[in-house]
Protein backbone atom coordinates (compact mmCIF):
# COMPACT_ATOMS: atom_id res chain seq x y z
CA MET A 1 103.91 111.22 62.15
CA THR A 2 105.80 112.09 65.12
CA THR A 3 102.43 113.25 67.03
CA THR A 4 100.55 110.71 65.46
CA ALA A 5 102.86 108.09 67.24
CA THR A 6 103.48 110.02 70.16
CA SER A 7 99.85 109.63 70.76
CA THR A 8 99.45 105.78 69.73
CA ALA A 9 102.27 105.32 72.45
CA VAL A 10 100.42 107.14 75.07
CA ARG A 11 97.64 105.36 74.04
CA MET A 12 99.26 102.56 74.70
CA ARG A 13 100.98 103.04 77.79
CA ARG A 14 97.34 104.31 79.61
CA PRO A 15 95.08 101.81 78.59
CA ARG A 16 91.50 102.39 79.12
CA VAL A 17 89.42 101.84 82.14
CA ARG A 18 86.24 100.52 82.11
CA ILE A 19 83.63 101.90 84.21
CA THR A 20 81.24 98.85 84.35
CA PRO A 21 77.96 98.87 87.70
CA VAL A 22 80.48 96.84 89.71
CA ARG A 23 83.46 99.43 89.57
CA VAL A 24 80.88 102.50 90.01
CA VAL A 25 79.34 100.51 92.94
CA ILE A 26 82.33 99.56 94.92
CA GLY A 27 83.15 103.75 94.29
CA MET A 28 80.26 104.85 95.86
CA VAL A 29 80.98 102.88 98.94
CA LEU A 30 83.78 103.55 99.34
CA ALA A 31 83.08 106.93 98.47
CA ALA A 32 80.54 106.44 101.44
CA LEU A 33 83.29 105.38 104.16
CA ALA A 34 85.45 108.28 102.96
CA VAL A 35 82.96 110.80 104.55
CA LEU A 36 82.85 108.75 106.85
CA VAL A 37 85.68 108.97 108.35
CA ILE A 38 86.63 112.30 107.63
CA PHE A 39 83.13 114.23 108.32
CA PRO A 40 82.93 114.57 112.12
CA LEU A 41 87.14 115.19 111.72
CA VAL A 42 85.48 118.19 110.28
CA TRP A 43 82.83 119.16 112.36
CA MET A 44 84.56 118.38 115.10
CA ALA A 45 87.64 121.47 114.03
CA ILE A 46 85.10 123.29 113.07
CA SER A 47 83.42 123.03 116.30
CA GLY A 48 85.72 123.99 118.36
CA PHE A 49 86.08 127.60 116.06
CA LYS A 50 82.15 128.10 117.78
CA THR A 51 80.66 128.99 121.15
CA ASN A 52 78.06 126.86 123.36
CA ALA A 53 75.47 129.26 121.78
CA GLU A 54 76.46 128.48 118.07
CA LEU A 55 77.37 124.56 118.67
CA TYR A 56 74.06 124.22 120.21
CA GLY A 57 71.88 125.78 117.98
CA ASP A 58 73.28 125.37 115.39
CA PRO A 59 76.01 122.41 115.26
CA TRP A 60 75.81 121.96 111.27
CA GLY A 61 76.45 125.09 110.00
CA LEU A 62 79.03 126.70 110.66
CA PRO A 63 80.49 129.74 113.22
CA ALA A 64 79.70 132.97 112.01
CA GLU A 65 83.83 134.29 113.54
CA TRP A 66 86.02 132.46 114.00
CA ARG A 67 87.23 132.71 117.07
CA TRP A 68 90.77 131.33 116.76
CA HIS A 69 90.81 132.10 120.58
CA ASN A 70 89.43 128.35 121.60
CA TYR A 71 92.94 127.21 120.48
CA GLU A 72 94.40 128.95 122.62
CA ARG A 73 92.56 128.74 125.39
CA ALA A 74 93.35 124.94 124.66
CA TYR A 75 96.49 125.53 124.64
CA GLU A 76 96.87 127.84 127.68
CA TYR A 77 95.03 124.22 129.47
CA GLY A 78 97.65 122.81 128.04
CA VAL A 79 97.21 120.32 126.09
CA ILE A 80 100.21 121.16 124.33
CA HIS A 81 101.71 119.99 127.11
CA TYR A 82 99.53 116.95 127.09
CA ILE A 83 100.27 115.70 123.76
CA GLY A 84 104.69 116.31 124.10
CA ASN A 85 103.93 112.87 126.83
CA SER A 86 101.12 111.05 124.20
CA LEU A 87 104.73 112.04 121.54
CA VAL A 88 107.43 110.16 123.72
CA VAL A 89 105.62 107.43 125.11
CA THR A 90 104.84 107.17 121.50
CA ILE A 91 108.17 107.50 119.31
CA GLY A 92 109.86 105.29 122.36
CA SER A 93 107.57 102.73 122.23
CA ILE A 94 107.76 103.00 118.61
CA ILE A 95 111.21 102.83 119.09
CA LEU A 96 111.22 98.77 121.56
CA VAL A 97 108.71 97.24 119.66
CA VAL A 98 109.74 97.41 116.32
CA LEU A 99 113.87 96.45 117.57
CA VAL A 100 112.32 94.03 120.17
CA SER A 101 109.39 91.85 117.79
CA SER A 102 111.90 92.05 114.84
CA PHE A 103 115.23 90.16 117.33
CA ALA A 104 112.29 88.40 118.15
CA ALA A 105 110.95 87.66 114.61
CA PHE A 106 114.31 87.14 113.07
CA ALA A 107 114.71 84.02 115.92
CA LEU A 108 111.71 82.13 115.34
CA VAL A 109 112.20 82.19 111.12
CA ARG A 110 116.33 82.80 110.65
CA VAL A 111 117.91 81.65 113.88
CA LYS A 112 118.32 77.36 113.95
CA ILE A 113 117.43 77.57 117.99
CA PRO A 114 115.71 74.25 119.76
CA PHE A 115 112.02 74.19 120.83
CA SER A 116 111.54 77.92 118.26
CA ALA A 117 107.66 75.98 117.29
CA PRO A 118 107.07 75.95 120.83
CA LEU A 119 108.71 79.81 121.32
CA THR A 120 106.37 80.39 118.74
CA MET A 121 103.81 79.07 120.84
CA VAL A 122 104.64 81.04 123.78
CA VAL A 123 105.20 84.13 122.04
CA LEU A 124 102.28 83.81 120.14
CA GLY A 125 100.00 83.96 123.38
CA GLY A 126 100.89 86.83 124.74
CA LEU A 127 97.98 88.11 122.07
CA MET A 128 95.19 86.69 124.72
CA LEU A 129 96.06 88.55 127.83
CA SER A 130 94.39 91.59 128.75
CA GLU A 131 94.71 94.75 129.73
CA THR A 132 92.76 94.64 132.61
CA VAL A 133 93.79 91.71 134.24
CA ALA A 134 97.15 92.73 134.79
CA LEU A 135 96.46 95.90 135.83
CA VAL A 136 96.49 95.20 140.09
CA PRO A 137 99.80 93.17 139.39
CA LEU A 138 101.49 95.51 137.49
CA PHE A 139 100.86 98.43 139.51
CA ARG A 140 101.98 96.39 141.95
CA ILE A 141 105.15 95.55 140.40
CA MET A 142 105.54 99.15 138.60
CA ARG A 143 105.18 100.32 142.59
CA GLY A 144 107.94 97.37 143.38
CA ILE A 145 110.65 98.28 140.25
CA GLY A 146 110.27 103.00 141.19
CA LEU A 147 108.28 102.40 137.60
CA TYR A 148 105.28 103.78 138.85
CA ASN A 149 104.79 107.61 138.19
CA SER A 150 106.87 107.78 135.37
CA LEU A 151 107.28 108.18 131.60
CA PHE A 152 109.78 105.16 130.99
CA GLY A 153 107.46 102.34 132.86
CA ILE A 154 104.64 103.26 130.54
CA ILE A 155 106.32 103.37 127.93
CA ILE A 156 107.36 99.49 128.82
CA LEU A 157 103.82 98.24 129.89
CA TYR A 158 103.29 99.78 126.69
CA THR A 159 105.92 97.69 124.57
CA ALA A 160 105.28 94.78 127.09
CA PHE A 161 102.00 94.16 125.71
CA ARG A 162 102.62 95.04 121.92
CA VAL A 163 105.40 92.75 121.03
CA PRO A 164 103.62 89.33 120.80
CA PHE A 165 101.34 91.34 118.00
CA ILE A 166 103.67 93.00 116.39
CA THR A 167 105.89 89.77 116.11
CA PHE A 168 103.24 87.63 114.67
CA LEU A 169 103.37 90.70 111.44
CA ILE A 170 107.29 90.86 111.00
CA ARG A 171 107.14 87.22 111.54
CA ALA A 172 104.92 86.40 108.77
CA TYR A 173 106.28 88.72 106.44
CA MET A 174 110.20 87.68 106.83
CA LEU A 175 108.21 84.06 106.65
CA GLY A 176 107.61 85.50 102.71
CA LEU A 177 110.93 86.54 101.53
CA PRO A 178 113.64 84.55 99.47
CA GLN A 179 115.95 81.93 101.19
CA GLU A 180 117.97 82.60 97.43
CA VAL A 181 119.09 86.57 98.75
CA TYR A 182 119.94 84.62 102.38
CA ASP A 183 122.41 82.05 101.32
CA SER A 184 123.93 85.15 98.51
CA ALA A 185 124.78 86.47 102.42
CA VAL A 186 125.71 83.41 103.65
CA VAL A 187 128.03 83.38 100.17
CA ASP A 188 129.30 85.83 101.41
CA GLY A 189 130.99 86.29 103.96
CA CYS A 190 128.33 87.90 106.12
CA ASN A 191 127.82 86.49 109.99
CA THR A 192 124.23 86.14 111.22
CA TRP A 193 123.92 89.93 112.69
CA GLN A 194 124.64 91.44 109.11
CA ILE A 195 121.92 89.00 107.74
CA PHE A 196 119.97 91.33 109.97
CA TRP A 197 120.63 94.38 109.07
CA ARG A 198 121.67 94.59 106.03
CA ILE A 199 119.13 92.77 104.84
CA THR A 200 116.88 91.98 106.55
CA MET A 201 115.93 94.73 107.92
CA PRO A 202 115.91 96.67 105.03
CA LEU A 203 113.09 94.33 102.75
CA CYS A 204 110.80 94.38 105.41
CA TYR A 205 110.27 98.47 106.18
CA PRO A 206 107.11 98.20 104.61
CA ILE A 207 105.47 96.45 107.14
CA ILE A 208 108.35 97.84 110.07
CA ILE A 209 105.81 100.77 108.69
CA SER A 210 102.83 99.46 109.71
CA ALA A 211 104.29 98.16 112.70
CA ALA A 212 104.90 102.02 113.54
CA VAL A 213 101.85 102.82 112.49
CA LEU A 214 99.52 100.23 114.82
CA GLN A 215 101.38 100.84 117.60
CA ALA A 216 101.42 104.58 117.60
CA LEU A 217 97.63 104.87 117.45
CA PHE A 218 97.79 102.03 119.57
CA SER A 219 100.31 104.35 121.79
CA TRP A 220 98.19 107.79 121.71
CA ASN A 221 95.04 106.37 121.89
CA GLU A 222 95.24 104.63 125.20
CA PHE A 223 93.72 105.02 127.68
CA VAL A 224 93.95 102.69 131.09
CA PHE A 225 96.77 102.50 131.66
CA ALA A 226 98.00 105.90 130.95
CA LEU A 227 94.93 106.73 133.72
CA VAL A 228 96.21 104.21 136.34
CA PHE A 229 100.39 104.61 135.94
CA ILE A 230 100.85 108.29 136.35
CA LYS A 231 99.84 110.42 138.95
CA ASP A 232 101.25 113.73 138.38
CA ASP A 233 99.11 116.23 135.96
CA GLU A 234 102.42 117.06 134.12
CA LEU A 235 103.24 113.53 133.44
CA LYS A 236 99.82 112.55 131.63
CA THR A 237 98.93 111.64 128.47
CA MET A 238 96.46 112.96 125.25
CA PRO A 239 93.74 110.42 125.85
CA VAL A 240 93.65 110.83 130.30
CA GLY A 241 94.72 114.94 129.39
CA LEU A 242 91.84 115.78 127.92
CA MET A 243 89.39 114.06 130.17
CA THR A 244 91.22 116.85 132.62
CA LEU A 245 90.78 119.43 130.72
CA GLN A 246 87.23 118.34 130.06
CA SER A 247 86.55 117.83 134.19
CA LYS A 248 88.36 121.52 134.60
CA LEU A 249 86.43 123.41 131.07
CA THR A 250 82.43 121.47 132.50
CA THR A 251 80.61 123.22 129.57
CA ASP A 252 82.81 125.02 127.64
CA TRP A 253 82.90 122.57 124.89
CA PRO A 254 83.91 124.45 121.48
CA VAL A 255 87.97 124.83 123.72
CA VAL A 256 87.36 120.95 124.19
CA PHE A 257 86.45 120.36 120.61
CA ALA A 258 90.66 122.55 120.74
CA GLY A 259 92.15 120.23 123.08
CA LEU A 260 90.98 117.30 120.07
CA THR A 261 91.42 118.33 116.58
CA MET A 262 95.37 119.25 117.74
CA SER A 263 95.26 115.80 119.79
CA ALA A 264 94.33 114.54 116.05
CA ILE A 265 96.50 116.39 113.94
CA PRO A 266 99.93 114.04 115.11
CA MET A 267 98.03 110.98 114.00
CA VAL A 268 96.65 112.06 111.39
CA LEU A 269 99.68 113.65 109.80
CA ALA A 270 101.17 110.32 110.55
CA PHE A 271 99.08 107.53 109.13
CA LEU A 272 98.65 110.40 106.00
CA PHE A 273 102.64 109.42 105.43
CA GLY A 274 102.32 106.51 105.08
CA GLN A 275 99.66 104.68 104.44
CA ARG A 276 101.40 103.79 100.98
CA TYR A 277 103.50 101.01 103.49
CA PHE A 278 101.12 100.40 106.06
CA VAL A 279 98.72 99.31 103.40
CA LYS A 280 101.82 96.98 101.08
CA GLY A 281 102.46 96.19 104.84
CA ILE A 282 99.41 94.37 106.23
CA THR A 283 97.95 92.70 102.70
CA GLU A 284 101.65 91.09 102.65
CA GLY A 285 102.11 90.26 106.35
CA ILE A 286 98.94 89.18 107.01
CA GLY A 287 97.88 87.55 103.92
CA LYS A 288 100.78 84.74 104.14
C-alpha cells in the first residue's frame, strides 16, 4: 500500500516529457552546436601533445605518445606569466566596471537627479565609441598621465570602454525590480547608500555575474589595447604574449597549441561556474 502511494507520488512530481518532432529537431540542433563549440577546444588540447610530423600527417588522430613536455616548454616560454598578467587585468577591470556601472545604473533608475533622461542617452552613447578610432588620442593621453606601459592603465581603458554596455545591462535589470521593496526599505529608515548595498545589489546578483563574465571574456581576449599600450614583455597579457610565443617558436605548433590550451582553461572554468547566473541575468536584463 505504501509502495503504491510512493510510486504514485513520484509520478505526480515528475511529469512525463512528451517526445515530439519539434523537440527532437531542437535537441539535434543543440547537440550540433555543442559539438561545434567543444570539438575545436578538444582538438587544440590534443594537438598540444603531438609532434609537428603528427600534426601535419594526421591532424585528426590521437598522438602516438602523450608529450607533456610540450606544455612544459610553453610554461618555460612564459605562458604562465602572461596568464598572470591577464588575470590581474581581468579581475581589476571586472571589479571596477561592475562597481562603476552599478553606481551609474542605480543613479539613473532610483535616484532623482536632474536631466536623468539626457544623461542616460549620453551614457548609452558611449556604445558607439570605437577602440581603433580612439587609439591616437588615447596614446597621447596615456603617455601624458604616466599610464603607458602599465597594467593599471590597461585596466582603466578596459573599464572605460565597457562601462556604457554594462550600465545598459544592469539598468535594464534594475528597472524590473519591484518598487515595493524600495518603499519598505525607506519606511524602515534605510538611506540611499543602504538601499544600494543591502537591497539593490543582492537582488541584482544574476546580472552582476553576467556582467562579470562578459567583462572577463572581453578583457581576457582583448588584443589592440594590450598591443599598443604595453611595451615590456613582462607586462604583456595573454593575446599579445601568445603572438610573441608564436614568433619565438616559428614552426613548433604543438607548443603553441599547448599555450593556447593553457590560456583557454581559466575562461572555460569561469563560464562553467557562472553559466546559470549568466543566462538568467542576460535573459532577464536584455529582455526588459
